[in-house]
Protein backbone atom coordinates (compact mmCIF):
# COMPACT_ATOMS: atom_id res chain seq x y z
CA MET A 1 -10.58 -11.40 -5.83
CA GLY A 2 -12.30 -13.17 -2.62
CA LYS A 3 -10.47 -15.84 -2.85
CA ARG A 4 -7.82 -14.34 -3.18
CA ASN A 5 -8.34 -12.71 0.58
CA ALA A 6 -9.69 -15.81 2.01
CA ALA A 7 -6.79 -17.61 1.17
CA LYS A 8 -3.74 -15.62 2.37
CA ARG A 9 -6.40 -14.50 5.35
CA MET A 10 -5.85 -18.39 6.12
CA LYS A 11 -1.00 -18.15 5.14
CA GLN A 12 -0.99 -15.15 7.81
CA GLY A 13 -2.66 -17.74 10.52
CA SER A 14 -1.28 -20.53 9.62
CA GLU A 15 2.42 -18.38 10.45
CA MET A 16 1.04 -17.33 14.04
CA ASN A 17 2.72 -18.12 16.52
CA PRO A 18 0.45 -20.75 18.34
CA ASN A 19 0.95 -19.96 21.60
CA ILE A 20 -0.73 -16.81 21.51
CA TRP A 21 -3.90 -17.98 23.27
CA PHE A 22 -1.86 -18.89 26.01
CA GLU A 23 -0.60 -15.51 26.72
CA GLU A 24 -2.22 -13.80 29.44
CA GLY A 25 -4.21 -11.12 28.18
CA ALA A 26 -4.97 -13.13 25.23
CA ARG A 27 -8.36 -14.34 26.27
CA GLY A 28 -9.53 -11.69 29.38
CA LYS A 29 -7.30 -10.85 32.13
CA GLY A 30 -7.36 -14.18 33.15
CA PRO A 31 -3.98 -15.56 34.39
CA LYS A 32 -1.50 -17.15 31.76
CA LEU A 33 -2.11 -21.31 31.33
CA GLN A 34 0.05 -23.48 30.27
CA ALA A 35 -0.16 -26.22 27.26
CA ILE A 36 1.79 -29.58 27.08
CA GLU A 37 4.42 -29.52 25.35
CA GLY A 38 4.99 -31.63 22.27
CA GLY A 39 1.68 -33.57 23.33
CA ARG A 40 2.49 -35.78 25.41
CA GLY A 41 0.43 -34.57 28.61
CA TRP A 42 0.99 -36.41 32.22
CA HIS A 43 4.10 -38.38 33.04
CA PRO A 44 5.76 -39.46 36.14
CA ASP A 45 8.26 -38.08 36.09
CA ASP A 46 7.70 -34.55 35.00
CA ALA A 47 8.44 -32.40 37.90
CA ASP A 48 6.57 -30.63 40.03
CA PRO A 49 6.78 -26.85 39.51
CA LYS A 50 7.08 -25.52 42.59
CA GLN A 51 9.19 -29.05 44.25
CA GLU A 52 11.89 -27.47 42.05
CA HIS A 53 11.50 -24.24 43.17
CA GLN A 54 11.92 -25.68 46.89
CA ARG A 55 15.40 -27.58 45.27
CA ALA A 56 16.75 -23.91 44.29
CA GLU A 57 15.75 -22.34 47.76
CA GLY A 58 17.55 -24.64 48.87
CA GLY A 59 14.62 -26.31 50.64
CA ARG A 60 12.93 -29.98 51.58
CA THR A 61 11.48 -31.31 48.81
CA GLN A 62 9.30 -34.04 50.56
CA ARG A 63 6.23 -32.70 50.74
CA TYR A 64 4.85 -36.01 52.95
CA GLN A 65 3.96 -37.64 56.15
CA LYS A 66 5.94 -39.96 57.18
CA THR A 67 3.34 -41.23 59.53
CA VAL A 68 -0.52 -42.28 57.71
CA LYS A 69 -3.31 -43.29 60.90
CA PRO A 70 -6.20 -43.91 59.96
CA ARG A 71 -9.58 -41.97 60.33
CA THR A 72 -12.30 -44.44 60.35
CA GLU A 73 -12.54 -48.81 61.91
CA ASN A 74 -12.66 -50.46 58.95
CA GLN A 75 -9.66 -48.07 57.79
CA ALA A 76 -7.78 -49.31 60.90
CA GLU A 77 -8.65 -52.94 59.84
CA LEU A 78 -7.81 -52.43 56.36
CA MET A 79 -3.98 -51.25 57.16
CA LYS A 80 -3.75 -54.50 60.38
CA ALA A 81 -4.45 -56.52 57.78
CA MET A 82 -2.46 -55.76 55.77
CA ASP A 83 0.77 -55.54 58.52
CA ASP A 84 -0.66 -59.63 59.23
CA LYS A 85 -1.76 -60.95 55.70
CA ALA A 86 0.02 -62.12 51.98
CA LEU A 87 -3.75 -60.80 50.85
CA VAL A 88 -5.89 -58.39 51.26
CA ALA A 89 -8.92 -57.37 49.52
CA ALA A 90 -10.45 -53.83 50.23
CA LEU A 91 -13.60 -53.91 48.93
CA GLY A 92 -15.75 -50.26 49.48
CA PRO A 93 -17.14 -47.48 47.29
CA ALA A 94 -14.90 -43.46 45.76
CA GLY A 95 -13.75 -42.14 48.81
CA THR A 96 -13.03 -44.58 52.10
CA GLY A 97 -9.04 -44.81 50.43
CA LYS A 98 -8.61 -48.41 49.16
CA THR A 99 -6.23 -46.71 47.18
CA TYR A 100 -4.11 -44.36 49.11
CA LEU A 101 -4.11 -46.98 52.01
CA ALA A 102 -2.83 -50.25 49.53
CA VAL A 103 -0.08 -47.19 48.16
CA CYS A 104 0.72 -46.06 51.53
CA LYS A 105 1.93 -49.73 53.07
CA ALA A 106 3.68 -50.61 49.79
CA VAL A 107 6.42 -47.81 49.96
CA GLU A 108 6.70 -48.52 53.35
CA ALA A 109 7.41 -52.40 53.61
CA LEU A 110 9.80 -51.01 50.92
CA GLN A 111 10.94 -48.61 53.18
CA LYS A 112 11.34 -51.18 55.53
CA GLY A 113 12.76 -53.37 53.77
CA LYS A 114 9.96 -55.75 54.17
CA VAL A 115 10.15 -56.53 49.94
CA ALA A 116 12.15 -55.25 47.23
CA ARG A 117 9.51 -54.20 45.21
CA ILE A 118 6.27 -52.46 44.29
CA ILE A 119 4.50 -53.85 41.58
CA LEU A 120 1.07 -51.96 39.89
CA SER A 121 -1.66 -52.76 38.24
CA ARG A 122 -4.91 -51.44 36.83
CA PRO A 123 -6.63 -52.89 33.65
CA ALA A 124 -6.86 -50.54 30.77
CA VAL A 125 -10.95 -49.53 30.74
CA GLU A 126 -11.82 -46.10 30.62
CA ALA A 127 -15.36 -44.68 32.13
CA GLY A 128 -17.35 -45.04 29.22
CA GLU A 129 -15.36 -43.68 27.10
CA GLN A 130 -12.80 -44.77 24.85
CA ILE A 131 -9.46 -42.30 23.78
CA GLY A 132 -8.42 -43.86 21.44
CA PHE A 133 -4.55 -45.53 20.85
CA LEU A 134 -1.87 -44.06 23.11
CA PRO A 135 1.28 -42.66 22.01
CA GLY A 136 4.81 -43.86 23.38
CA ALA A 137 6.16 -46.94 25.41
CA MET A 138 4.41 -48.64 27.67
CA GLU A 139 4.78 -46.85 30.86
CA ASP A 140 3.60 -43.72 28.66
CA LYS A 141 0.52 -45.73 27.50
CA LEU A 142 0.02 -47.42 31.50
CA ALA A 143 0.57 -43.47 32.30
CA PRO A 144 -3.16 -42.42 32.39
CA TYR A 145 -4.01 -45.33 33.63
CA LEU A 146 -2.11 -44.79 36.55
CA ARG A 147 -2.46 -41.76 37.40
CA PRO A 148 -4.16 -42.61 40.86
CA LEU A 149 -1.19 -44.74 41.85
CA TYR A 150 1.40 -41.99 41.03
CA ASP A 151 -0.96 -39.91 43.16
CA ALA A 152 -0.68 -41.28 46.38
CA LEU A 153 3.15 -42.61 45.93
CA SER A 154 3.74 -38.45 45.19
CA ASP A 155 2.27 -37.31 48.53
CA ARG A 156 5.53 -40.50 49.90
CA LEU A 157 7.90 -39.66 47.60
CA SER A 158 9.88 -37.22 46.26
CA PRO A 159 9.93 -36.46 42.57
CA GLY A 160 13.69 -37.77 42.75
CA GLN A 161 12.84 -40.68 44.48
CA LEU A 162 10.02 -41.79 42.15
CA LYS A 163 11.60 -41.33 38.72
CA HIS A 164 14.66 -42.78 40.19
CA MET A 165 12.89 -45.39 41.60
CA LEU A 166 11.20 -46.35 37.87
CA ALA A 167 13.37 -46.23 35.72
CA GLU A 168 15.33 -48.79 37.86
CA GLY A 169 12.14 -50.99 38.47
CA VAL A 170 11.37 -50.74 42.11
CA ILE A 171 8.45 -49.70 41.19
CA GLU A 172 6.67 -51.55 38.58
CA ILE A 173 4.09 -50.99 36.44
CA ALA A 174 2.61 -54.46 34.45
CA PRO A 175 0.38 -55.11 33.01
CA ILE A 176 -2.52 -56.92 33.75
CA GLY A 177 -2.38 -58.68 30.52
CA PHE A 178 0.90 -59.22 30.61
CA MET A 179 1.46 -61.16 34.28
CA ARG A 180 0.60 -64.50 33.15
CA GLY A 181 3.38 -67.01 34.17
CA ARG A 182 5.06 -64.20 36.83
CA THR A 183 5.74 -65.47 40.30
CA LEU A 184 6.55 -62.09 42.37
CA ASN A 185 8.86 -63.19 45.08
CA ASN A 186 9.76 -60.45 47.84
CA ALA A 187 6.91 -57.58 46.21
CA PHE A 188 4.18 -55.13 47.45
CA ILE A 189 1.20 -56.08 44.66
CA VAL A 190 -1.91 -53.35 44.45
CA ILE A 191 -4.16 -53.97 42.68
CA ASP A 192 -6.60 -51.25 41.88
CA GLU A 193 -9.49 -51.51 39.59
CA ALA A 194 -10.12 -54.59 40.68
CA GLN A 195 -14.00 -53.99 39.67
CA ASN A 196 -13.09 -54.10 35.96
CA CYS A 197 -11.69 -57.40 36.11
CA THR A 198 -13.39 -60.38 35.49
CA TYR A 199 -12.96 -63.73 37.60
CA THR A 200 -11.03 -65.34 34.90
CA GLN A 201 -8.40 -62.17 35.52
CA LEU A 202 -8.96 -62.06 38.58
CA LYS A 203 -7.92 -65.76 39.60
CA MET A 204 -4.13 -65.63 37.33
CA LEU A 205 -3.26 -62.39 39.07
CA LEU A 206 -4.31 -63.66 42.70
CA THR A 207 -2.13 -67.83 42.04
CA ARG A 208 0.80 -64.90 40.74
CA LEU A 209 1.68 -63.89 44.99
CA GLY A 210 4.77 -65.45 45.05
CA TRP A 211 7.26 -66.24 48.47
CA HIS A 212 7.48 -62.89 50.92
CA SER A 213 4.98 -60.83 48.78
CA THR A 214 1.44 -59.55 49.84
CA MET A 215 -1.35 -58.57 47.59
CA VAL A 216 -3.20 -56.13 48.03
CA ILE A 217 -6.30 -55.96 45.87
CA THR A 218 -8.91 -53.41 45.61
CA GLY A 219 -12.14 -51.73 43.55
CA ASP A 220 -16.66 -50.95 44.15
CA PRO A 221 -18.45 -53.88 42.76
CA ALA A 222 -20.86 -51.24 43.05
CA GLN A 223 -18.80 -48.86 40.69
CA SER A 224 -17.71 -51.72 37.85
CA ASP A 225 -17.45 -50.20 34.12
CA LEU A 226 -17.48 -53.64 32.13
CA LEU A 227 -20.91 -54.97 32.16
CA PRO A 228 -23.01 -56.54 36.08
CA GLU A 229 -21.54 -60.80 34.70
CA PHE A 230 -18.70 -60.14 33.40
CA SER A 231 -16.68 -57.82 37.05
CA GLY A 232 -15.43 -60.86 38.81
CA LEU A 233 -14.87 -58.65 41.75
CA ALA A 234 -17.75 -59.88 43.99
CA ASN A 235 -17.72 -63.44 43.06
CA ALA A 236 -13.59 -63.83 44.39
CA ALA A 237 -13.82 -61.95 47.65
CA GLU A 238 -16.69 -64.32 48.79
CA ARG A 239 -13.99 -67.24 48.16
CA LEU A 240 -11.00 -66.28 49.57
CA GLU A 241 -13.36 -64.40 52.08
CA LYS A 242 -13.08 -68.57 53.39
CA LEU A 243 -9.27 -68.53 53.47
CA GLY A 244 -7.16 -68.28 56.71
CA GLY A 245 -4.55 -66.74 54.80
CA ALA A 246 -5.94 -63.82 53.10
CA SER A 247 -8.15 -60.92 54.11
CA VAL A 248 -11.65 -59.49 53.33
CA ILE A 249 -12.17 -55.94 54.29
CA ARG A 250 -15.92 -53.98 53.59
CA LEU A 251 -15.18 -49.83 53.59
CA GLU A 252 -18.77 -48.26 54.04
CA GLY A 253 -20.96 -45.08 53.03
CA LYS A 254 -19.57 -44.28 56.59
CA ASP A 255 -15.55 -43.96 55.71
CA VAL A 256 -15.69 -41.91 53.37
CA VAL A 257 -13.11 -38.99 53.70
CA ARG A 258 -13.17 -37.20 50.79
CA HIS A 259 -15.51 -34.61 50.86
CA PRO A 260 -19.02 -35.28 53.24
CA LEU A 261 -21.37 -34.85 50.71
CA VAL A 262 -19.75 -38.24 48.54
CA ALA A 263 -20.78 -40.00 51.33
CA GLU A 264 -24.12 -38.07 50.71
CA MET A 265 -24.11 -38.23 47.38
CA LEU A 266 -23.06 -42.29 47.69
CA ASP A 267 -26.48 -43.23 49.58
CA VAL A 268 -29.01 -40.66 46.32
CA LEU A 269 -27.18 -41.55 43.42
């Protein structure tokens, strides 16, 4: 009798709508939670609900500022280097604006017609934990790793523009493992989290630079998810400083533009 009742309860539970746990009031009086449809997770093609509402109301879809100004001297030096040099390495701790400024300069160069495309690449290395295999096409698999780059792009482009440029290949997602043998002409290339690249990988990436292109590599040698002897960023940066056509900008704790506590934590952690 007990087994039949237990089986009946399990059957009834399986027939319940799972979304009931996400409805308002199901767990107290908190706000309604949104389930991830289809288990696909976030993707840059997903529309921003606020942007969709603004579009429906006939308002502007852009929410970015047209000009980005440096907040520190080192950031100003970085932005000038990206204007003047074909190869720039931006090294510094978290929160110093390395990735954001690189992406902003990439979009600016594209809008001014200086380059024909933007190429984004980043090592597919997790921060200390493995999330396993990911479903979908190559872009879907790389989307979680490239989220910081997409966040910066979303500040400079509307959702519609970003979706169109990704679809047309104007903004290209290039896995590091597939870069060998390519020559990247007329492009603005951003290699993010370069501290998670080996010296051999960085040498391969740097030598992809083609005509009328700019390449920016960003990273923090002190925040590598590889073993210290495997990260090649610090070694590569020291060698690049000897080249006249390249520039190495070293940002510091005073350049942190996140919460003021971040700079303090960098001194004690």
